[in-house]
PDB file of N, CA and C in Angstrom:
ATOM      1  N   MET A   1       0.841  -1.193  -0.003  1.00  0.00           N
ATOM      2  CA  MET A   1       0.000  -0.005  -0.001  1.00  0.00           C
ATOM      3  C   MET A   1       0.867   1.264  -0.013  1.00  0.00           C
ATOM      4  N   LYS A   2       1.944   1.233   0.797  1.00  0.00           N
ATOM      5  CA  LYS A   2       2.835   2.394   0.847  1.00  0.00           C
ATOM      6  C   LYS A   2       3.457   2.653  -0.521  1.00  0.00           C
ATOM      7  N   ALA A   3       3.833   1.583  -1.197  1.00  0.00           N
ATOM      8  CA  ALA A   3       4.459   1.741  -2.515  1.00  0.00           C
ATOM      9  C   ALA A   3       3.478   2.371  -3.507  1.00  0.00           C
ATOM     10  N   PHE A   4       2.244   1.914  -3.461  1.00  0.00           N
ATOM     11  CA  PHE A   4       1.242   2.459  -4.385  1.00  0.00           C
ATOM     12  C   PHE A   4       0.937   3.910  -4.078  1.00  0.00           C
ATOM     13  N   LEU A   5       0.801   4.215  -2.794  1.00  0.00           N
ATOM     14  CA  LEU A   5       0.578   5.619  -2.419  1.00  0.00           C
ATOM     15  C   LEU A   5       1.767   6.487  -2.823  1.00  0.00           C
ATOM     16  N   GLY A   6       2.965   5.949  -2.691  1.00  0.00           N
ATOM     17  CA  GLY A   6       4.162   6.691  -3.115  1.00  0.00           C
ATOM     18  C   GLY A   6       4.189   6.935  -4.620  1.00  0.00           C
ATOM     19  N   SER A   7       3.779   5.928  -5.373  1.00  0.00           N
ATOM     20  CA  SER A   7       3.785   6.074  -6.826  1.00  0.00           C
ATOM     21  C   SER A   7       2.751   7.088  -7.282  1.00  0.00           C
ATOM     22  N   GLN A   8       1.710   7.274  -6.502  1.00  0.00           N
ATOM     23  CA  GLN A   8       0.680   8.252  -6.828  1.00  0.00           C
ATOM     24  C   GLN A   8       0.946   9.630  -6.190  1.00  0.00           C
ATOM     25  N   LYS A   9       2.119   9.757  -5.559  1.00  0.00           N
ATOM     26  CA  LYS A   9       2.562  11.003  -4.913  1.00  0.00           C
ATOM     27  C   LYS A   9       1.620  11.452  -3.812  1.00  0.00           C
ATOM     28  N   CYS A  10       1.129  10.468  -3.031  1.00  0.00           N
ATOM     29  CA  CYS A  10       0.197  10.767  -1.935  1.00  0.00           C
ATOM     30  C   CYS A  10       0.750  10.394  -0.583  1.00  0.00           C
ATOM     31  N   ILE A  11       1.891   9.763  -0.527  1.00  0.00           N
ATOM     32  CA  ILE A  11       2.398   9.227   0.739  1.00  0.00           C
ATOM     33  C   ILE A  11       2.679  10.310   1.764  1.00  0.00           C
ATOM     34  N   GLU A  12       3.132  11.507   1.323  1.00  0.00           N
ATOM     35  CA  GLU A  12       3.418  12.568   2.273  1.00  0.00           C
ATOM     36  C   GLU A  12       2.159  13.040   2.994  1.00  0.00           C
ATOM     37  N   ILE A  13       1.063  13.141   2.240  1.00  0.00           N
ATOM     38  CA  ILE A  13      -0.218  13.536   2.859  1.00  0.00           C
ATOM     39  C   ILE A  13      -0.664  12.505   3.869  1.00  0.00           C
ATOM     40  N   VAL A  14      -0.466  11.232   3.540  1.00  0.00           N
ATOM     41  CA  VAL A  14      -0.886  10.165   4.447  1.00  0.00           C
ATOM     42  C   VAL A  14      -0.022  10.147   5.702  1.00  0.00           C
ATOM     43  N   GLN A  15       1.272  10.324   5.575  1.00  0.00           N
ATOM     44  CA  GLN A  15       2.155  10.266   6.720  1.00  0.00           C
ATOM     45  C   GLN A  15       2.118  11.524   7.572  1.00  0.00           C
ATOM     46  N   TYR A  16       2.066  12.663   6.957  1.00  0.00           N
ATOM     47  CA  TYR A  16       2.208  13.932   7.710  1.00  0.00           C
ATOM     48  C   TYR A  16       0.931  14.751   7.777  1.00  0.00           C
ATOM     49  N   GLY A  17      -0.017  14.467   6.902  1.00  0.00           N
ATOM     50  CA  GLY A  17      -1.260  15.240   6.904  1.00  0.00           C
ATOM     51  C   GLY A  17      -1.051  16.645   6.355  1.00  0.00           C
ATOM     52  N   TYR A  18      -2.054  17.468   6.526  1.00  0.00           N
ATOM     53  CA  TYR A  18      -1.982  18.864   6.121  1.00  0.00           C
ATOM     54  C   TYR A  18      -2.878  19.686   7.028  1.00  0.00           C
ATOM     55  N   ASN A  19      -2.681  20.986   7.046  1.00  0.00           N
ATOM     56  CA  ASN A  19      -3.434  21.867   7.946  1.00  0.00           C
ATOM     57  C   ASN A  19      -4.720  22.319   7.261  1.00  0.00           C
ATOM     58  N   GLU A  20      -5.829  21.862   7.784  1.00  0.00           N
ATOM     59  CA  GLU A  20      -7.132  22.258   7.294  1.00  0.00           C
ATOM     60  C   GLU A  20      -7.600  23.458   8.090  1.00  0.00           C
ATOM     61  N   PRO A  21      -8.089  24.530   7.423  1.00  0.00           N
ATOM     62  CA  PRO A  21      -8.583  25.708   8.155  1.00  0.00           C
ATOM     63  C   PRO A  21      -9.749  25.326   9.090  1.00  0.00           C
ATOM     64  N   GLU A  22      -9.829  26.012  10.216  1.00  0.00           N
ATOM     65  CA  GLU A  22     -10.861  25.680  11.201  1.00  0.00           C
ATOM     66  C   GLU A  22     -12.267  25.981  10.690  1.00  0.00           C
ATOM     67  N   SER A  23     -12.408  27.012   9.881  1.00  0.00           N
ATOM     68  CA  SER A  23     -13.743  27.399   9.415  1.00  0.00           C
ATOM     69  C   SER A  23     -13.652  27.982   8.023  1.00  0.00           C
ATOM     70  N   LYS A  24     -14.796  28.189   7.416  1.00  0.00           N
ATOM     71  CA  LYS A  24     -14.893  28.792   6.081  1.00  0.00           C
ATOM     72  C   LYS A  24     -14.380  30.220   6.085  1.00  0.00           C
ATOM     73  N   GLU A  25     -14.622  30.938   7.196  1.00  0.00           N
ATOM     74  CA  GLU A  25     -14.165  32.322   7.299  1.00  0.00           C
ATOM     75  C   GLU A  25     -12.640  32.407   7.281  1.00  0.00           C
ATOM     76  N   VAL A  26     -11.986  31.483   7.972  1.00  0.00           N
ATOM     77  CA  VAL A  26     -10.521  31.451   7.973  1.00  0.00           C
ATOM     78  C   VAL A  26     -10.009  31.120   6.583  1.00  0.00           C
ATOM     79  N   GLU A  27     -10.696  30.195   5.923  1.00  0.00           N
ATOM     80  CA  GLU A  27     -10.290  29.843   4.570  1.00  0.00           C
ATOM     81  C   GLU A  27     -10.421  31.015   3.618  1.00  0.00           C
ATOM     82  N   ASP A  28     -11.435  31.832   3.791  1.00  0.00           N
ATOM     83  CA  ASP A  28     -11.648  32.986   2.915  1.00  0.00           C
ATOM     84  C   ASP A  28     -10.554  34.037   3.075  1.00  0.00           C
ATOM     85  N   THR A  29      -9.883  34.064   4.229  1.00  0.00           N
ATOM     86  CA  THR A  29      -8.842  35.065   4.465  1.00  0.00           C
ATOM     87  C   THR A  29      -7.474  34.664   3.885  1.00  0.00           C
ATOM     88  N   LEU A  30      -7.365  33.436   3.365  1.00  0.00           N
ATOM     89  CA  LEU A  30      -6.095  32.955   2.838  1.00  0.00           C
ATOM     90  C   LEU A  30      -5.741  33.673   1.529  1.00  0.00           C
ATOM     91  N   GLN A  31      -4.470  33.802   1.265  1.00  0.00           N
ATOM     92  CA  GLN A  31      -3.983  34.367  -0.010  1.00  0.00           C
ATOM     93  C   GLN A  31      -4.287  33.353  -1.120  1.00  0.00           C
ATOM     94  N   GLU A  32      -4.236  33.827  -2.342  1.00  0.00           N
ATOM     95  CA  GLU A  32      -4.571  32.963  -3.485  1.00  0.00           C
ATOM     96  C   GLU A  32      -3.606  31.783  -3.587  1.00  0.00           C
ATOM     97  N   ALA A  33      -2.334  31.988  -3.344  1.00  0.00           N
ATOM     98  CA  ALA A  33      -1.357  30.906  -3.406  1.00  0.00           C
ATOM     99  C   ALA A  33      -1.638  29.857  -2.313  1.00  0.00           C
ATOM    100  N   GLU A  34      -2.007  30.338  -1.130  1.00  0.00           N
ATOM    101  CA  GLU A  34      -2.350  29.417  -0.034  1.00  0.00           C
ATOM    102  C   GLU A  34      -3.600  28.609  -0.364  1.00  0.00           C
ATOM    103  N   LYS A  35      -4.550  29.252  -1.012  1.00  0.00           N
ATOM    104  CA  LYS A  35      -5.779  28.557  -1.409  1.00  0.00           C
ATOM    105  C   LYS A  35      -5.479  27.449  -2.427  1.00  0.00           C
ATOM    106  N   GLN A  36      -4.538  27.731  -3.325  1.00  0.00           N
ATOM    107  CA  GLN A  36      -4.155  26.739  -4.340  1.00  0.00           C
ATOM    108  C   GLN A  36      -3.452  25.534  -3.675  1.00  0.00           C
ATOM    109  N   VAL A  37      -2.605  25.826  -2.693  1.00  0.00           N
ATOM    110  CA  VAL A  37      -1.921  24.746  -1.959  1.00  0.00           C
ATOM    111  C   VAL A  37      -2.936  23.916  -1.193  1.00  0.00           C
ATOM    112  N   LEU A  38      -3.878  24.586  -0.538  1.00  0.00           N
ATOM    113  CA  LEU A  38      -4.926  23.884   0.205  1.00  0.00           C
ATOM    114  C   LEU A  38      -5.780  23.005  -0.736  1.00  0.00           C
ATOM    115  N   LYS A  39      -6.098  23.535  -1.884  1.00  0.00           N
ATOM    116  CA  LYS A  39      -6.884  22.779  -2.861  1.00  0.00           C
ATOM    117  C   LYS A  39      -6.116  21.547  -3.349  1.00  0.00           C
ATOM    118  N   ALA A  40      -4.808  21.709  -3.611  1.00  0.00           N
ATOM    119  CA  ALA A  40      -3.985  20.579  -4.019  1.00  0.00           C
ATOM    120  C   ALA A  40      -3.857  19.534  -2.922  1.00  0.00           C
ATOM    121  N   ASN A  41      -3.699  19.967  -1.667  1.00  0.00           N
ATOM    122  CA  ASN A  41      -3.621  19.051  -0.548  1.00  0.00           C
ATOM    123  C   ASN A  41      -4.915  18.282  -0.367  1.00  0.00           C
ATOM    124  N   ARG A  42      -6.048  18.946  -0.506  1.00  0.00           N
ATOM    125  CA  ARG A  42      -7.337  18.271  -0.386  1.00  0.00           C
ATOM    126  C   ARG A  42      -7.504  17.226  -1.492  1.00  0.00           C
ATOM    127  N   LYS A  43      -7.045  17.572  -2.680  1.00  0.00           N
ATOM    128  CA  LYS A  43      -7.149  16.639  -3.804  1.00  0.00           C
ATOM    129  C   LYS A  43      -6.274  15.409  -3.545  1.00  0.00           C
ATOM    130  N   LYS A  44      -5.042  15.605  -3.072  1.00  0.00           N
ATOM    131  CA  LYS A  44      -4.164  14.484  -2.754  1.00  0.00           C
ATOM    132  C   LYS A  44      -4.739  13.649  -1.635  1.00  0.00           C
ATOM    133  N   ASP A  45      -5.337  14.302  -0.642  1.00  0.00           N
ATOM    134  CA  ASP A  45      -5.938  13.577   0.479  1.00  0.00           C
ATOM    135  C   ASP A  45      -7.078  12.709   0.015  1.00  0.00           C
ATOM    136  N   ASN A  46      -7.940  13.242  -0.842  1.00  0.00           N
ATOM    137  CA  ASN A  46      -9.048  12.462  -1.386  1.00  0.00           C
ATOM    138  C   ASN A  46      -8.559  11.296  -2.239  1.00  0.00           C
ATOM    139  N   LYS A  47      -7.508  11.533  -2.994  1.00  0.00           N
ATOM    140  CA  LYS A  47      -6.926  10.474  -3.822  1.00  0.00           C
ATOM    141  C   LYS A  47      -6.357   9.368  -2.919  1.00  0.00           C
ATOM    142  N   ALA A  48      -5.667   9.770  -1.855  1.00  0.00           N
ATOM    143  CA  ALA A  48      -5.099   8.785  -0.922  1.00  0.00           C
ATOM    144  C   ALA A  48      -6.203   7.985  -0.221  1.00  0.00           C
ATOM    145  N   LYS A  49      -7.274   8.669   0.186  1.00  0.00           N
ATOM    146  CA  LYS A  49      -8.392   7.956   0.827  1.00  0.00           C
ATOM    147  C   LYS A  49      -8.993   6.938  -0.140  1.00  0.00           C
ATOM    148  N   THR A  50      -9.145   7.308  -1.380  1.00  0.00           N
ATOM    149  CA  THR A  50      -9.707   6.389  -2.383  1.00  0.00           C
ATOM    150  C   THR A  50      -8.818   5.164  -2.536  1.00  0.00           C
ATOM    151  N   ILE A  51      -7.513   5.374  -2.598  1.00  0.00           N
ATOM    152  CA  ILE A  51      -6.580   4.251  -2.726  1.00  0.00           C
ATOM    153  C   ILE A  51      -6.653   3.337  -1.531  1.00  0.00           C
ATOM    154  N   ILE A  52      -6.701   3.910  -0.340  1.00  0.00           N
ATOM    155  CA  ILE A  52      -6.769   3.098   0.885  1.00  0.00           C
ATOM    156  C   ILE A  52      -8.085   2.335   0.938  1.00  0.00           C
ATOM    157  N   TYR A  53      -9.203   3.026   0.606  1.00  0.00           N
ATOM    158  CA  TYR A  53     -10.496   2.349   0.645  1.00  0.00           C
ATOM    159  C   TYR A  53     -10.540   1.136  -0.292  1.00  0.00           C
ATOM    160  N   GLN A  54      -9.903   1.269  -1.439  1.00  0.00           N
ATOM    161  CA  GLN A  54      -9.925   0.182  -2.415  1.00  0.00           C
ATOM    162  C   GLN A  54      -9.194  -1.057  -1.926  1.00  0.00           C
ATOM    163  N   GLY A  55      -8.282  -0.891  -0.982  1.00  0.00           N
ATOM    164  CA  GLY A  55      -7.509  -2.008  -0.484  1.00  0.00           C
ATOM    165  C   GLY A  55      -8.084  -2.647   0.777  1.00  0.00           C
ATOM    166  N   LEU A  56      -9.245  -2.246   1.196  1.00  0.00           N
ATOM    167  CA  LEU A  56      -9.815  -2.743   2.454  1.00  0.00           C
ATOM    168  C   LEU A  56     -11.076  -3.574   2.193  1.00  0.00           C
ATOM    169  N   ASP A  57     -11.346  -4.507   3.106  1.00  0.00           N
ATOM    170  CA  ASP A  57     -12.599  -5.227   3.037  1.00  0.00           C
ATOM    171  C   ASP A  57     -13.636  -4.518   3.915  1.00  0.00           C
ATOM    172  N   GLU A  58     -14.858  -5.011   3.904  1.00  0.00           N
ATOM    173  CA  GLU A  58     -15.962  -4.309   4.583  1.00  0.00           C
ATOM    174  C   GLU A  58     -15.765  -4.232   6.099  1.00  0.00           C
ATOM    175  N   ALA A  59     -15.230  -5.281   6.700  1.00  0.00           N
ATOM    176  CA  ALA A  59     -15.066  -5.308   8.147  1.00  0.00           C
ATOM    177  C   ALA A  59     -14.084  -4.220   8.605  1.00  0.00           C
ATOM    178  N   ILE A  60     -13.002  -4.054   7.897  1.00  0.00           N
ATOM    179  CA  ILE A  60     -12.016  -3.031   8.243  1.00  0.00           C
ATOM    180  C   ILE A  60     -12.554  -1.661   7.891  1.00  0.00           C
ATOM    181  N   PHE A  61     -13.307  -1.551   6.798  1.00  0.00           N
ATOM    182  CA  PHE A  61     -13.860  -0.278   6.380  1.00  0.00           C
ATOM    183  C   PHE A  61     -14.731   0.314   7.477  1.00  0.00           C
ATOM    184  N   GLU A  62     -15.472  -0.510   8.207  1.00  0.00           N
ATOM    185  CA  GLU A  62     -16.319  -0.047   9.289  1.00  0.00           C
ATOM    186  C   GLU A  62     -15.492   0.608  10.402  1.00  0.00           C
ATOM    187  N   ILE A  63     -14.271   0.126  10.602  1.00  0.00           N
ATOM    188  CA  ILE A  63     -13.405   0.669  11.655  1.00  0.00           C
ATOM    189  C   ILE A  63     -12.953   2.095  11.299  1.00  0.00           C
ATOM    190  N   ILE A  64     -12.660   2.345  10.035  1.00  0.00           N
ATOM    191  CA  ILE A  64     -12.070   3.609   9.652  1.00  0.00           C
ATOM    192  C   ILE A  64     -13.078   4.571   8.985  1.00  0.00           C
ATOM    193  N   ALA A  65     -14.338   4.171   8.924  1.00  0.00           N
ATOM    194  CA  ALA A  65     -15.334   4.969   8.214  1.00  0.00           C
ATOM    195  C   ALA A  65     -15.497   6.372   8.809  1.00  0.00           C
ATOM    196  N   SER A  66     -15.297   6.535  10.090  1.00  0.00           N
ATOM    197  CA  SER A  66     -15.497   7.834  10.717  1.00  0.00           C
ATOM    198  C   SER A  66     -14.306   8.767  10.553  1.00  0.00           C
ATOM    199  N   ALA A  67     -13.166   8.262  10.108  1.00  0.00           N
ATOM    200  CA  ALA A  67     -11.976   9.107   9.909  1.00  0.00           C
ATOM    201  C   ALA A  67     -12.182  10.030   8.718  1.00  0.00           C
ATOM    202  N   GLU A  68     -11.775  11.265   8.874  1.00  0.00           N
ATOM    203  CA  GLU A  68     -12.023  12.263   7.832  1.00  0.00           C
ATOM    204  C   GLU A  68     -10.832  12.499   6.909  1.00  0.00           C
ATOM    205  N   THR A  69      -9.632  12.211   7.364  1.00  0.00           N
ATOM    206  CA  THR A  69      -8.445  12.447   6.519  1.00  0.00           C
ATOM    207  C   THR A  69      -7.715  11.131   6.312  1.00  0.00           C
ATOM    208  N   SER A  70      -6.902  11.125   5.268  1.00  0.00           N
ATOM    209  CA  SER A  70      -6.138   9.919   4.982  1.00  0.00           C
ATOM    210  C   SER A  70      -5.134   9.629   6.108  1.00  0.00           C
ATOM    211  N   LYS A  71      -4.623  10.677   6.746  1.00  0.00           N
ATOM    212  CA  LYS A  71      -3.687  10.473   7.868  1.00  0.00           C
ATOM    213  C   LYS A  71      -4.402   9.764   9.038  1.00  0.00           C
ATOM    214  N   ALA A  72      -5.636  10.170   9.326  1.00  0.00           N
ATOM    215  CA  ALA A  72      -6.407   9.553  10.414  1.00  0.00           C
ATOM    216  C   ALA A  72      -6.703   8.097  10.081  1.00  0.00           C
ATOM    217  N   ILE A  73      -7.011   7.826   8.813  1.00  0.00           N
ATOM    218  CA  ILE A  73      -7.277   6.442   8.393  1.00  0.00           C
ATOM    219  C   ILE A  73      -6.012   5.609   8.547  1.00  0.00           C
ATOM    220  N   TRP A  74      -4.884   6.140   8.110  1.00  0.00           N
ATOM    221  CA  TRP A  74      -3.612   5.423   8.164  1.00  0.00           C
ATOM    222  C   TRP A  74      -3.256   5.117   9.616  1.00  0.00           C
ATOM    223  N   GLU A  75      -3.427   6.087  10.509  1.00  0.00           N
ATOM    224  CA  GLU A  75      -3.113   5.873  11.913  1.00  0.00           C
ATOM    225  C   GLU A  75      -4.039   4.834  12.529  1.00  0.00           C
ATOM    226  N   ALA A  76      -5.312   4.807  12.152  1.00  0.00           N
ATOM    227  CA  ALA A  76      -6.260   3.824  12.662  1.00  0.00           C
ATOM    228  C   ALA A  76      -5.852   2.418  12.187  1.00  0.00           C
ATOM    229  N   LEU A  77      -5.433   2.320  10.949  1.00  0.00           N
ATOM    230  CA  LEU A  77      -4.989   1.021  10.420  1.00  0.00           C
ATOM    231  C   LEU A  77      -3.703   0.558  11.106  1.00  0.00           C
ATOM    232  N   GLN A  78      -2.786   1.464  11.344  1.00  0.00           N
ATOM    233  CA  GLN A  78      -1.548   1.124  12.045  1.00  0.00           C
ATOM    234  C   GLN A  78      -1.858   0.630  13.458  1.00  0.00           C
ATOM    235  N   GLN A  79      -2.781   1.283  14.123  1.00  0.00           N
ATOM    236  CA  GLN A  79      -3.164   0.873  15.485  1.00  0.00           C
ATOM    237  C   GLN A  79      -3.818  -0.512  15.459  1.00  0.00           C
ATOM    238  N   LYS A  80      -4.640  -0.760  14.465  1.00  0.00           N
ATOM    239  CA  LYS A  80      -5.349  -2.029  14.335  1.00  0.00           C
ATOM    240  C   LYS A  80      -4.369  -3.184  14.132  1.00  0.00           C
ATOM    241  N   TYR A  81      -3.369  -2.968  13.299  1.00  0.00           N
ATOM    242  CA  TYR A  81      -2.456  -4.052  12.945  1.00  0.00           C
ATOM    243  C   TYR A  81      -1.122  -3.978  13.688  1.00  0.00           C
ATOM    244  N   LYS A  82      -1.056  -3.194  14.740  1.00  0.00           N
ATOM    245  CA  LYS A  82       0.189  -2.990  15.476  1.00  0.00           C
ATOM    246  C   LYS A  82       0.755  -4.299  16.021  1.00  0.00           C
ATOM    247  N   GLY A  83      -0.032  -5.169  16.562  1.00  0.00           N
ATOM    248  CA  GLY A  83       0.450  -6.390  17.170  1.00  0.00           C
ATOM    249  C   GLY A  83       0.600  -7.538  16.204  1.00  0.00           C
ATOM    250  N   ALA A  84       0.184  -7.377  14.964  1.00  0.00           N
ATOM    251  CA  ALA A  84       0.200  -8.468  14.012  1.00  0.00           C
ATOM    252  C   ALA A  84       1.614  -8.984  13.755  1.00  0.00           C
ATOM    253  N   ASP A  85       2.594  -8.127  13.644  1.00  0.00           N
ATOM    254  CA  ASP A  85       3.964  -8.554  13.408  1.00  0.00           C
ATOM    255  C   ASP A  85       4.512  -9.355  14.581  1.00  0.00           C
ATOM    256  N   ARG A  86       4.199  -8.927  15.785  1.00  0.00           N
ATOM    257  CA  ARG A  86       4.671  -9.624  16.961  1.00  0.00           C
ATOM    258  C   ARG A  86       4.055 -11.028  17.040  1.00  0.00           C
ATOM    259  N   ILE A  87       2.796 -11.133  16.709  1.00  0.00           N
ATOM    260  CA  ILE A  87       2.111 -12.411  16.726  1.00  0.00           C
ATOM    261  C   ILE A  87       2.715 -13.353  15.687  1.00  0.00           C
ATOM    262  N   LYS A  88       3.028 -12.824  14.510  1.00  0.00           N
ATOM    263  CA  LYS A  88       3.651 -13.632  13.471  1.00  0.00           C
ATOM    264  C   LYS A  88       5.002 -14.167  13.926  1.00  0.00           C
ATOM    265  N   LYS A  89       5.801 -13.318  14.580  1.00  0.00           N
ATOM    266  CA  LYS A  89       7.118 -13.741  15.045  1.00  0.00           C
ATOM    267  C   LYS A  89       6.999 -14.831  16.101  1.00  0.00           C
ATOM    268  N   ILE A  90       6.055 -14.673  17.026  1.00  0.00           N
ATOM    269  CA  ILE A  90       5.864 -15.687  18.064  1.00  0.00           C
ATOM    270  C   ILE A  90       5.425 -16.998  17.473  1.00  0.00           C
ATOM    271  N   ARG A  91       4.511 -16.951  16.512  1.00  0.00           N
ATOM    272  CA  ARG A  91       4.032 -18.155  15.862  1.00  0.00           C
ATOM    273  C   ARG A  91       5.179 -18.841  15.097  1.00  0.00           C
ATOM    274  N   LEU A  92       5.979 -18.047  14.427  1.00  0.00           N
ATOM    275  CA  LEU A  92       7.122 -18.593  13.670  1.00  0.00           C
ATOM    276  C   LEU A  92       8.118 -19.274  14.593  1.00  0.00           C
ATOM    277  N   GLN A  93       8.376 -18.666  15.768  1.00  0.00           N
ATOM    278  CA  GLN A  93       9.293 -19.257  16.728  1.00  0.00           C
ATOM    279  C   GLN A  93       8.772 -20.591  17.239  1.00  0.00           C
ATOM    280  N   SER A  94       7.466 -20.672  17.532  1.00  0.00           N
ATOM    281  CA  SER A  94       6.917 -21.917  18.023  1.00  0.00           C
ATOM    282  C   SER A  94       6.949 -22.999  16.947  1.00  0.00           C
ATOM    283  N   LEU A  95       6.662 -22.645  15.706  1.00  0.00           N
ATOM    284  CA  LEU A  95       6.737 -23.627  14.608  1.00  0.00           C
ATOM    285  C   LEU A  95       8.162 -24.100  14.406  1.00  0.00           C
ATOM    286  N   ARG A  96       9.119 -23.179  14.509  1.00  0.00           N
ATOM    287  CA  ARG A  96      10.525 -23.537  14.357  1.00  0.00           C
ATOM    288  C   ARG A  96      10.923 -24.515  15.457  1.00  0.00           C
ATOM    289  N   GLY A  97      10.463 -24.276  16.689  1.00  0.00           N
ATOM    290  CA  GLY A  97      10.757 -25.181  17.804  1.00  0.00           C
ATOM    291  C   GLY A  97      10.151 -26.562  17.587  1.00  0.00           C
ATOM    292  N   GLU A  98       8.912 -26.594  17.101  1.00  0.00           N
ATOM    293  CA  GLU A  98       8.277 -27.890  16.804  1.00  0.00           C
ATOM    294  C   GLU A  98       9.055 -28.636  15.713  1.00  0.00           C
ATOM    295  N   PHE A  99       9.499 -27.929  14.708  1.00  0.00           N
ATOM    296  CA  PHE A  99      10.260 -28.558  13.616  1.00  0.00           C
ATOM    297  C   PHE A  99      11.553 -29.139  14.126  1.00  0.00           C
ATOM    298  N   GLU A 100      12.255 -28.423  15.000  1.00  0.00           N
ATOM    299  CA  GLU A 100      13.522 -28.917  15.526  1.00  0.00           C
ATOM    300  C   GLU A 100      13.337 -30.135  16.413  1.00  0.00           C
ATOM    301  N   LEU A 101      12.168 -30.277  17.039  1.00  0.00           N
ATOM    302  CA  LEU A 101      11.905 -31.413  17.901  1.00  0.00           C
ATOM    303  C   LEU A 101      11.449 -32.665  17.142  1.00  0.00           C
ATOM    304  N   LEU A 102      11.181 -32.507  15.866  1.00  0.00           N
ATOM    305  CA  LEU A 102      10.738 -33.651  15.079  1.00  0.00           C
ATOM    306  C   LEU A 102      11.857 -34.671  14.957  1.00  0.00           C
ATOM    307  N   GLN A 103      11.493 -35.935  15.098  1.00  0.00           N
ATOM    308  CA  GLN A 103      12.458 -36.992  14.959  1.00  0.00           C
ATOM    309  C   GLN A 103      11.817 -38.106  14.098  1.00  0.00           C
ATOM    310  N   MET A 104      12.663 -38.813  13.409  1.00  0.00           N
ATOM    311  CA  MET A 104      12.131 -39.923  12.624  1.00  0.00           C
ATOM    312  C   MET A 104      11.730 -41.021  13.563  1.00  0.00           C
ATOM    313  N   LYS A 105      10.558 -41.547  13.329  1.00  0.00           N
ATOM    314  CA  LYS A 105      10.061 -42.664  14.167  1.00  0.00           C
ATOM    315  C   LYS A 105      10.569 -43.979  13.628  1.00  0.00           C
ATOM    316  N   SER A 106      10.571 -44.987  14.455  1.00  0.00           N
ATOM    317  CA  SER A 106      11.117 -46.294  14.071  1.00  0.00           C
ATOM    318  C   SER A 106      10.264 -46.947  12.982  1.00  0.00           C
ATOM    319  N   SER A 107       9.018 -46.592  12.909  1.00  0.00           N
ATOM    320  CA  SER A 107       8.176 -47.188  11.872  1.00  0.00           C
ATOM    321  C   SER A 107       8.306 -46.382  10.605  1.00  0.00           C
TER     322      SER A 107
END
């Protein structure tokens, strides 16, 4: 997923986010260049959200449905799968131990 987001030039928005104005009034006071940057950031964020949504199944989608930005979605997914690597390592160690204990039987 990171590689695909990177190829679409969206990974920075996902990792670092962007500053969204607090209200419409604050947005109206921005300079034209700042408005263009904000518009580009919103577009990248929507693109990143679409990419992430396409890679999820319905059960996971329910977990992140309330997140409004791609950064919030990414953080929720990281939190959800945080222990998965540790569990894989523990399972691999136990299987390796079982394999080492295997012996050929007399029959």
